[in-house]
Amino acid sequence: MTIDYLWRGPLTDPELDALHAEAFGHPVEPGGWLARLERHSLGWVTARRAADGALLGFVNLAWDGGAHAFLLDTAVSPDTRRQGVATRLVTEAADGARAAGCAWLHVDFEPHLRPFYLDACGLRPTDAGLLAL
């Protein structure tokens, strides 16, 4: 299967709502993605099946307007997992952040994703803090 990866690729709210629900195992809920992406994101990367344009993966890249970019919502459809799609999404996002002049790429993740982000994607562990609001 050929997959096309595109920085700031076109999206619709319904297709991203559906992918997010499928990837994270929750009901489809309207998320207002496009407005949030345009307002808060440095960019995003889409992964689409070349044959029919179906959205297979997505990652959002928020930023502080300066040196720091933040990976959010890395999502891949379950039937496309374990094929390198998520790793390529993160690589493309890192390239986009680097091209924009960012010096640091941050990501928070659940413990079971440690091998993915640290081993497959090459991020390094760091101390961090979190306050539940």
N, C-alpha and C. Protein backbone atom coordinates (compact mmCIF):
# COMPACT_ATOMS: atom_id res chain seq x y z
N MET A 1 0.85 -1.18 0.00
CA MET A 1 0.00 0.00 0.00
C MET A 1 0.90 1.24 0.00
N THR A 2 0.59 2.17 -0.85
CA THR A 2 1.31 3.42 -0.91
C THR A 2 0.60 4.45 -0.03
N ILE A 3 1.38 5.14 0.80
CA ILE A 3 0.83 6.15 1.70
C ILE A 3 1.51 7.47 1.42
N ASP A 4 0.71 8.51 1.28
CA ASP A 4 1.22 9.86 1.08
C ASP A 4 1.21 10.62 2.40
N TYR A 5 2.33 11.24 2.74
CA TYR A 5 2.46 12.04 3.96
C TYR A 5 2.56 13.50 3.53
N LEU A 6 1.78 14.35 4.19
CA LEU A 6 1.77 15.74 3.79
C LEU A 6 1.76 16.66 5.00
N TRP A 7 2.70 17.60 5.02
CA TRP A 7 2.76 18.65 6.05
C TRP A 7 1.60 19.60 5.82
N ARG A 8 0.83 19.84 6.86
CA ARG A 8 -0.34 20.70 6.81
C ARG A 8 -1.31 20.28 5.71
N GLY A 9 -1.45 18.96 5.59
CA GLY A 9 -2.34 18.40 4.58
C GLY A 9 -3.79 18.78 4.84
N PRO A 10 -4.58 18.89 3.78
CA PRO A 10 -5.99 19.24 3.94
C PRO A 10 -6.74 18.17 4.75
N LEU A 11 -7.67 18.65 5.54
CA LEU A 11 -8.46 17.78 6.43
C LEU A 11 -9.88 18.31 6.51
N THR A 12 -10.79 17.45 6.93
CA THR A 12 -12.12 17.90 7.32
C THR A 12 -12.33 17.49 8.77
N ASP A 13 -13.16 18.25 9.46
CA ASP A 13 -13.46 17.88 10.85
C ASP A 13 -14.04 16.47 10.94
N PRO A 14 -15.03 16.10 10.11
CA PRO A 14 -15.60 14.75 10.27
C PRO A 14 -14.60 13.61 10.08
N GLU A 15 -13.67 13.74 9.12
CA GLU A 15 -12.73 12.64 8.94
C GLU A 15 -11.73 12.57 10.10
N LEU A 16 -11.35 13.71 10.65
CA LEU A 16 -10.44 13.68 11.79
C LEU A 16 -11.16 13.24 13.06
N ASP A 17 -12.42 13.63 13.21
CA ASP A 17 -13.23 13.13 14.32
C ASP A 17 -13.28 11.60 14.28
N ALA A 18 -13.52 11.04 13.10
CA ALA A 18 -13.64 9.59 12.94
C ALA A 18 -12.30 8.89 13.21
N LEU A 19 -11.21 9.42 12.67
CA LEU A 19 -9.90 8.80 12.90
C LEU A 19 -9.54 8.84 14.38
N HIS A 20 -9.75 9.99 15.01
CA HIS A 20 -9.42 10.12 16.44
C HIS A 20 -10.22 9.12 17.26
N ALA A 21 -11.51 8.99 16.99
CA ALA A 21 -12.35 8.04 17.72
C ALA A 21 -11.87 6.61 17.51
N GLU A 22 -11.56 6.27 16.27
CA GLU A 22 -11.10 4.93 15.95
C GLU A 22 -9.74 4.65 16.61
N ALA A 23 -8.83 5.60 16.55
CA ALA A 23 -7.48 5.40 17.08
C ALA A 23 -7.46 5.34 18.60
N PHE A 24 -8.32 6.14 19.25
CA PHE A 24 -8.28 6.21 20.71
C PHE A 24 -9.45 5.47 21.38
N GLY A 25 -10.29 4.81 20.58
CA GLY A 25 -11.33 3.94 21.13
C GLY A 25 -12.43 4.65 21.88
N HIS A 26 -12.93 5.73 21.32
CA HIS A 26 -14.07 6.41 21.93
C HIS A 26 -15.10 6.73 20.84
N PRO A 27 -16.32 7.07 21.24
CA PRO A 27 -17.32 7.42 20.23
C PRO A 27 -16.91 8.65 19.43
N VAL A 28 -17.40 8.74 18.21
CA VAL A 28 -17.12 9.91 17.39
C VAL A 28 -17.80 11.12 18.02
N GLU A 29 -17.00 12.14 18.26
CA GLU A 29 -17.49 13.39 18.86
C GLU A 29 -16.98 14.55 18.02
N PRO A 30 -17.83 15.54 17.75
CA PRO A 30 -17.33 16.70 17.00
C PRO A 30 -16.25 17.41 17.80
N GLY A 31 -15.09 17.62 17.16
CA GLY A 31 -13.97 18.20 17.88
C GLY A 31 -13.58 19.60 17.48
N GLY A 32 -14.14 20.10 16.39
CA GLY A 32 -13.74 21.43 15.95
C GLY A 32 -12.26 21.51 15.64
N TRP A 33 -11.74 20.46 15.03
CA TRP A 33 -10.31 20.33 14.78
C TRP A 33 -9.73 21.46 13.96
N LEU A 34 -10.35 21.77 12.84
CA LEU A 34 -9.73 22.72 11.92
C LEU A 34 -9.51 24.08 12.55
N ALA A 35 -10.48 24.56 13.30
CA ALA A 35 -10.33 25.86 13.97
C ALA A 35 -9.19 25.82 14.98
N ARG A 36 -9.09 24.72 15.73
CA ARG A 36 -8.00 24.59 16.71
C ARG A 36 -6.64 24.47 16.04
N LEU A 37 -6.58 23.70 14.97
CA LEU A 37 -5.31 23.55 14.26
C LEU A 37 -4.82 24.89 13.73
N GLU A 38 -5.70 25.62 13.10
CA GLU A 38 -5.31 26.91 12.53
C GLU A 38 -4.89 27.90 13.62
N ARG A 39 -5.52 27.81 14.77
CA ARG A 39 -5.25 28.77 15.84
C ARG A 39 -4.01 28.44 16.67
N HIS A 40 -3.77 27.15 16.91
CA HIS A 40 -2.75 26.77 17.90
C HIS A 40 -1.59 25.95 17.36
N SER A 41 -1.62 25.53 16.12
CA SER A 41 -0.62 24.60 15.64
C SER A 41 0.41 25.25 14.74
N LEU A 42 1.64 24.80 14.91
CA LEU A 42 2.67 25.11 13.94
C LEU A 42 2.34 24.37 12.64
N GLY A 43 1.89 23.16 12.80
CA GLY A 43 1.51 22.35 11.65
C GLY A 43 0.99 21.00 12.09
N TRP A 44 0.76 20.16 11.13
CA TRP A 44 0.30 18.80 11.37
C TRP A 44 0.74 17.98 10.18
N VAL A 45 0.70 16.69 10.34
CA VAL A 45 1.05 15.79 9.25
C VAL A 45 -0.10 14.82 9.06
N THR A 46 -0.48 14.62 7.81
CA THR A 46 -1.51 13.64 7.48
C THR A 46 -0.86 12.47 6.74
N ALA A 47 -1.44 11.30 6.93
CA ALA A 47 -1.06 10.10 6.18
C ALA A 47 -2.32 9.63 5.48
N ARG A 48 -2.26 9.57 4.16
CA ARG A 48 -3.44 9.16 3.37
C ARG A 48 -3.06 8.02 2.43
N ARG A 49 -3.99 7.08 2.32
CA ARG A 49 -3.81 6.00 1.36
C ARG A 49 -3.85 6.60 -0.04
N ALA A 50 -2.82 6.37 -0.81
CA ALA A 50 -2.71 6.98 -2.13
C ALA A 50 -3.85 6.56 -3.06
N ALA A 51 -4.30 5.33 -2.94
CA ALA A 51 -5.30 4.80 -3.86
C ALA A 51 -6.64 5.54 -3.79
N ASP A 52 -7.05 5.92 -2.57
CA ASP A 52 -8.38 6.52 -2.43
C ASP A 52 -8.41 7.78 -1.55
N GLY A 53 -7.26 8.19 -1.02
CA GLY A 53 -7.20 9.40 -0.21
C GLY A 53 -7.72 9.25 1.20
N ALA A 54 -7.99 8.03 1.64
CA ALA A 54 -8.51 7.82 2.99
C ALA A 54 -7.48 8.26 4.03
N LEU A 55 -7.95 8.96 5.07
CA LEU A 55 -7.07 9.40 6.15
C LEU A 55 -6.74 8.21 7.04
N LEU A 56 -5.45 7.86 7.08
CA LEU A 56 -4.98 6.72 7.87
C LEU A 56 -4.24 7.14 9.13
N GLY A 57 -3.69 8.36 9.13
CA GLY A 57 -2.92 8.80 10.27
C GLY A 57 -2.82 10.31 10.33
N PHE A 58 -2.49 10.79 11.53
CA PHE A 58 -2.44 12.23 11.79
C PHE A 58 -1.58 12.47 13.01
N VAL A 59 -0.83 13.56 13.02
CA VAL A 59 -0.18 14.05 14.23
C VAL A 59 -0.23 15.57 14.19
N ASN A 60 -0.47 16.17 15.34
CA ASN A 60 -0.54 17.62 15.48
C ASN A 60 0.76 18.11 16.10
N LEU A 61 1.19 19.28 15.69
CA LEU A 61 2.41 19.87 16.21
C LEU A 61 2.09 21.27 16.72
N ALA A 62 1.83 21.36 18.02
CA ALA A 62 1.59 22.66 18.66
C ALA A 62 2.95 23.29 18.95
N TRP A 63 2.95 24.58 19.29
CA TRP A 63 4.23 25.22 19.60
C TRP A 63 4.03 26.43 20.47
N ASP A 64 5.14 26.96 20.96
CA ASP A 64 5.11 28.12 21.84
C ASP A 64 5.39 29.41 21.06
N GLY A 65 5.50 29.32 19.76
CA GLY A 65 5.82 30.48 18.94
C GLY A 65 7.30 30.74 18.85
N GLY A 66 8.10 29.87 19.46
CA GLY A 66 9.55 30.05 19.47
C GLY A 66 10.28 28.75 19.24
N ALA A 67 11.01 28.31 20.26
CA ALA A 67 11.92 27.18 20.11
C ALA A 67 11.31 25.82 20.43
N HIS A 68 10.11 25.79 21.01
CA HIS A 68 9.54 24.53 21.49
C HIS A 68 8.31 24.12 20.69
N ALA A 69 8.33 22.87 20.20
CA ALA A 69 7.19 22.26 19.53
C ALA A 69 6.74 21.05 20.35
N PHE A 70 5.47 20.71 20.24
CA PHE A 70 4.87 19.68 21.08
C PHE A 70 4.03 18.74 20.22
N LEU A 71 4.36 17.45 20.25
CA LEU A 71 3.56 16.46 19.54
C LEU A 71 2.29 16.17 20.30
N LEU A 72 1.17 16.16 19.59
CA LEU A 72 -0.13 15.88 20.19
C LEU A 72 -0.95 14.99 19.24
N ASP A 73 -1.76 14.14 19.83
CA ASP A 73 -2.77 13.40 19.08
C ASP A 73 -2.23 12.53 17.96
N THR A 74 -1.10 11.88 18.20
CA THR A 74 -0.61 10.94 17.20
C THR A 74 -1.65 9.83 17.06
N ALA A 75 -2.23 9.71 15.88
CA ALA A 75 -3.33 8.77 15.66
C ALA A 75 -3.14 8.03 14.35
N VAL A 76 -3.29 6.70 14.41
CA VAL A 76 -3.22 5.86 13.23
C VAL A 76 -4.39 4.88 13.31
N SER A 77 -5.05 4.68 12.18
CA SER A 77 -6.18 3.74 12.17
C SER A 77 -5.67 2.36 12.59
N PRO A 78 -6.45 1.65 13.40
CA PRO A 78 -5.99 0.35 13.91
C PRO A 78 -5.57 -0.64 12.83
N ASP A 79 -6.22 -0.65 11.69
CA ASP A 79 -5.85 -1.61 10.64
C ASP A 79 -4.58 -1.22 9.88
N THR A 80 -4.00 -0.07 10.23
CA THR A 80 -2.77 0.40 9.57
C THR A 80 -1.59 0.40 10.55
N ARG A 81 -1.81 -0.01 11.77
CA ARG A 81 -0.74 0.01 12.77
C ARG A 81 0.32 -1.03 12.48
N ARG A 82 1.48 -0.82 13.07
CA ARG A 82 2.63 -1.72 12.97
C ARG A 82 3.17 -1.79 11.55
N GLN A 83 3.01 -0.69 10.81
CA GLN A 83 3.53 -0.60 9.44
C GLN A 83 4.45 0.61 9.27
N GLY A 84 4.79 1.26 10.40
CA GLY A 84 5.70 2.40 10.34
C GLY A 84 5.02 3.74 10.09
N VAL A 85 3.70 3.77 10.05
CA VAL A 85 2.98 5.01 9.75
C VAL A 85 3.18 6.04 10.85
N ALA A 86 3.00 5.64 12.10
CA ALA A 86 3.16 6.59 13.21
C ALA A 86 4.59 7.11 13.30
N THR A 87 5.55 6.23 13.10
CA THR A 87 6.95 6.66 13.13
C THR A 87 7.21 7.69 12.04
N ARG A 88 6.69 7.46 10.87
CA ARG A 88 6.87 8.41 9.77
C ARG A 88 6.16 9.73 10.06
N LEU A 89 4.97 9.68 10.67
CA LEU A 89 4.27 10.91 11.05
C LEU A 89 5.13 11.75 11.99
N VAL A 90 5.73 11.10 12.99
CA VAL A 90 6.57 11.82 13.95
C VAL A 90 7.81 12.38 13.26
N THR A 91 8.42 11.61 12.38
CA THR A 91 9.59 12.08 11.65
C THR A 91 9.25 13.31 10.81
N GLU A 92 8.13 13.26 10.11
CA GLU A 92 7.71 14.40 9.28
C GLU A 92 7.41 15.62 10.15
N ALA A 93 6.79 15.40 11.32
CA ALA A 93 6.50 16.51 12.24
C ALA A 93 7.80 17.12 12.76
N ALA A 94 8.77 16.28 13.10
CA ALA A 94 10.07 16.78 13.56
C ALA A 94 10.74 17.60 12.47
N ASP A 95 10.66 17.14 11.24
CA ASP A 95 11.24 17.90 10.12
C ASP A 95 10.56 19.24 9.96
N GLY A 96 9.23 19.28 10.11
CA GLY A 96 8.50 20.54 10.03
C GLY A 96 8.89 21.50 11.14
N ALA A 97 9.05 20.98 12.35
CA ALA A 97 9.46 21.82 13.48
C ALA A 97 10.87 22.36 13.26
N ARG A 98 11.76 21.51 12.80
CA ARG A 98 13.13 21.93 12.53
C ARG A 98 13.16 23.02 11.45
N ALA A 99 12.39 22.84 10.39
CA ALA A 99 12.34 23.82 9.30
C ALA A 99 11.79 25.16 9.78
N ALA A 100 10.94 25.13 10.80
CA ALA A 100 10.36 26.36 11.35
C ALA A 100 11.28 27.03 12.36
N GLY A 101 12.44 26.42 12.64
CA GLY A 101 13.40 27.02 13.56
C GLY A 101 13.27 26.56 15.00
N CYS A 102 12.45 25.56 15.25
CA CYS A 102 12.33 25.04 16.62
C CYS A 102 13.60 24.27 16.99
N ALA A 103 13.95 24.35 18.26
CA ALA A 103 15.14 23.66 18.76
C ALA A 103 14.78 22.41 19.56
N TRP A 104 13.53 22.32 20.03
CA TRP A 104 13.13 21.23 20.91
C TRP A 104 11.78 20.67 20.47
N LEU A 105 11.66 19.34 20.55
CA LEU A 105 10.40 18.66 20.28
C LEU A 105 10.02 17.87 21.53
N HIS A 106 8.87 18.18 22.08
CA HIS A 106 8.40 17.56 23.32
C HIS A 106 7.24 16.62 23.02
N VAL A 107 7.08 15.61 23.86
CA VAL A 107 5.89 14.76 23.80
C VAL A 107 5.66 14.15 25.18
N ASP A 108 4.42 14.10 25.58
CA ASP A 108 4.01 13.35 26.77
C ASP A 108 3.34 12.08 26.27
N PHE A 109 3.52 10.99 26.99
CA PHE A 109 2.91 9.73 26.54
C PHE A 109 2.68 8.81 27.73
N GLU A 110 1.79 7.86 27.52
CA GLU A 110 1.52 6.84 28.52
C GLU A 110 2.67 5.82 28.51
N PRO A 111 2.90 5.15 29.65
CA PRO A 111 4.04 4.24 29.75
C PRO A 111 4.13 3.19 28.64
N HIS A 112 3.01 2.66 28.18
CA HIS A 112 3.07 1.62 27.15
C HIS A 112 3.58 2.15 25.80
N LEU A 113 3.63 3.47 25.63
CA LEU A 113 4.13 4.07 24.39
C LEU A 113 5.62 4.44 24.46
N ARG A 114 6.24 4.17 25.59
CA ARG A 114 7.66 4.48 25.75
C ARG A 114 8.54 3.86 24.65
N PRO A 115 8.39 2.58 24.33
CA PRO A 115 9.23 2.01 23.26
C PRO A 115 9.01 2.71 21.92
N PHE A 116 7.79 3.11 21.64
CA PHE A 116 7.53 3.80 20.38
C PHE A 116 8.26 5.14 20.33
N TYR A 117 7.99 6.01 21.30
CA TYR A 117 8.56 7.36 21.25
C TYR A 117 10.07 7.38 21.49
N LEU A 118 10.56 6.57 22.42
CA LEU A 118 11.98 6.61 22.75
C LEU A 118 12.83 5.75 21.82
N ASP A 119 12.37 4.56 21.51
CA ASP A 119 13.17 3.66 20.67
C ASP A 119 12.92 3.90 19.18
N ALA A 120 11.67 3.83 18.76
CA ALA A 120 11.37 3.94 17.33
C ALA A 120 11.54 5.36 16.80
N CYS A 121 11.17 6.36 17.61
CA CYS A 121 11.20 7.75 17.13
C CYS A 121 12.45 8.52 17.56
N GLY A 122 13.22 7.98 18.50
CA GLY A 122 14.48 8.60 18.88
C GLY A 122 14.39 9.75 19.87
N LEU A 123 13.25 9.95 20.50
CA LEU A 123 13.19 10.97 21.54
C LEU A 123 13.93 10.46 22.77
N ARG A 124 14.36 11.37 23.62
CA ARG A 124 15.09 11.01 24.82
C ARG A 124 14.27 11.35 26.06
N PRO A 125 14.39 10.51 27.10
CA PRO A 125 13.63 10.80 28.32
C PRO A 125 14.15 12.06 29.01
N THR A 126 13.26 12.72 29.72
CA THR A 126 13.61 13.92 30.46
C THR A 126 12.69 14.03 31.67
N ASP A 127 13.12 14.73 32.68
CA ASP A 127 12.24 14.99 33.81
C ASP A 127 11.20 16.00 33.38
N ALA A 128 10.01 15.85 33.87
CA ALA A 128 8.93 16.78 33.55
C ALA A 128 7.98 16.80 34.73
N GLY A 129 7.10 17.76 34.71
CA GLY A 129 6.09 17.86 35.76
C GLY A 129 4.72 17.99 35.12
N LEU A 130 3.70 17.61 35.89
CA LEU A 130 2.34 17.67 35.40
C LEU A 130 1.42 18.01 36.56
N LEU A 131 0.53 18.93 36.33
CA LEU A 131 -0.46 19.31 37.33
C LEU A 131 -1.84 19.08 36.72
N ALA A 132 -2.60 18.18 37.30
CA ALA A 132 -3.97 17.93 36.82
C ALA A 132 -4.84 19.11 37.19
N LEU A 133 -5.48 19.70 36.20
CA LEU A 133 -6.34 20.85 36.45
C LEU A 133 -7.79 20.43 36.38
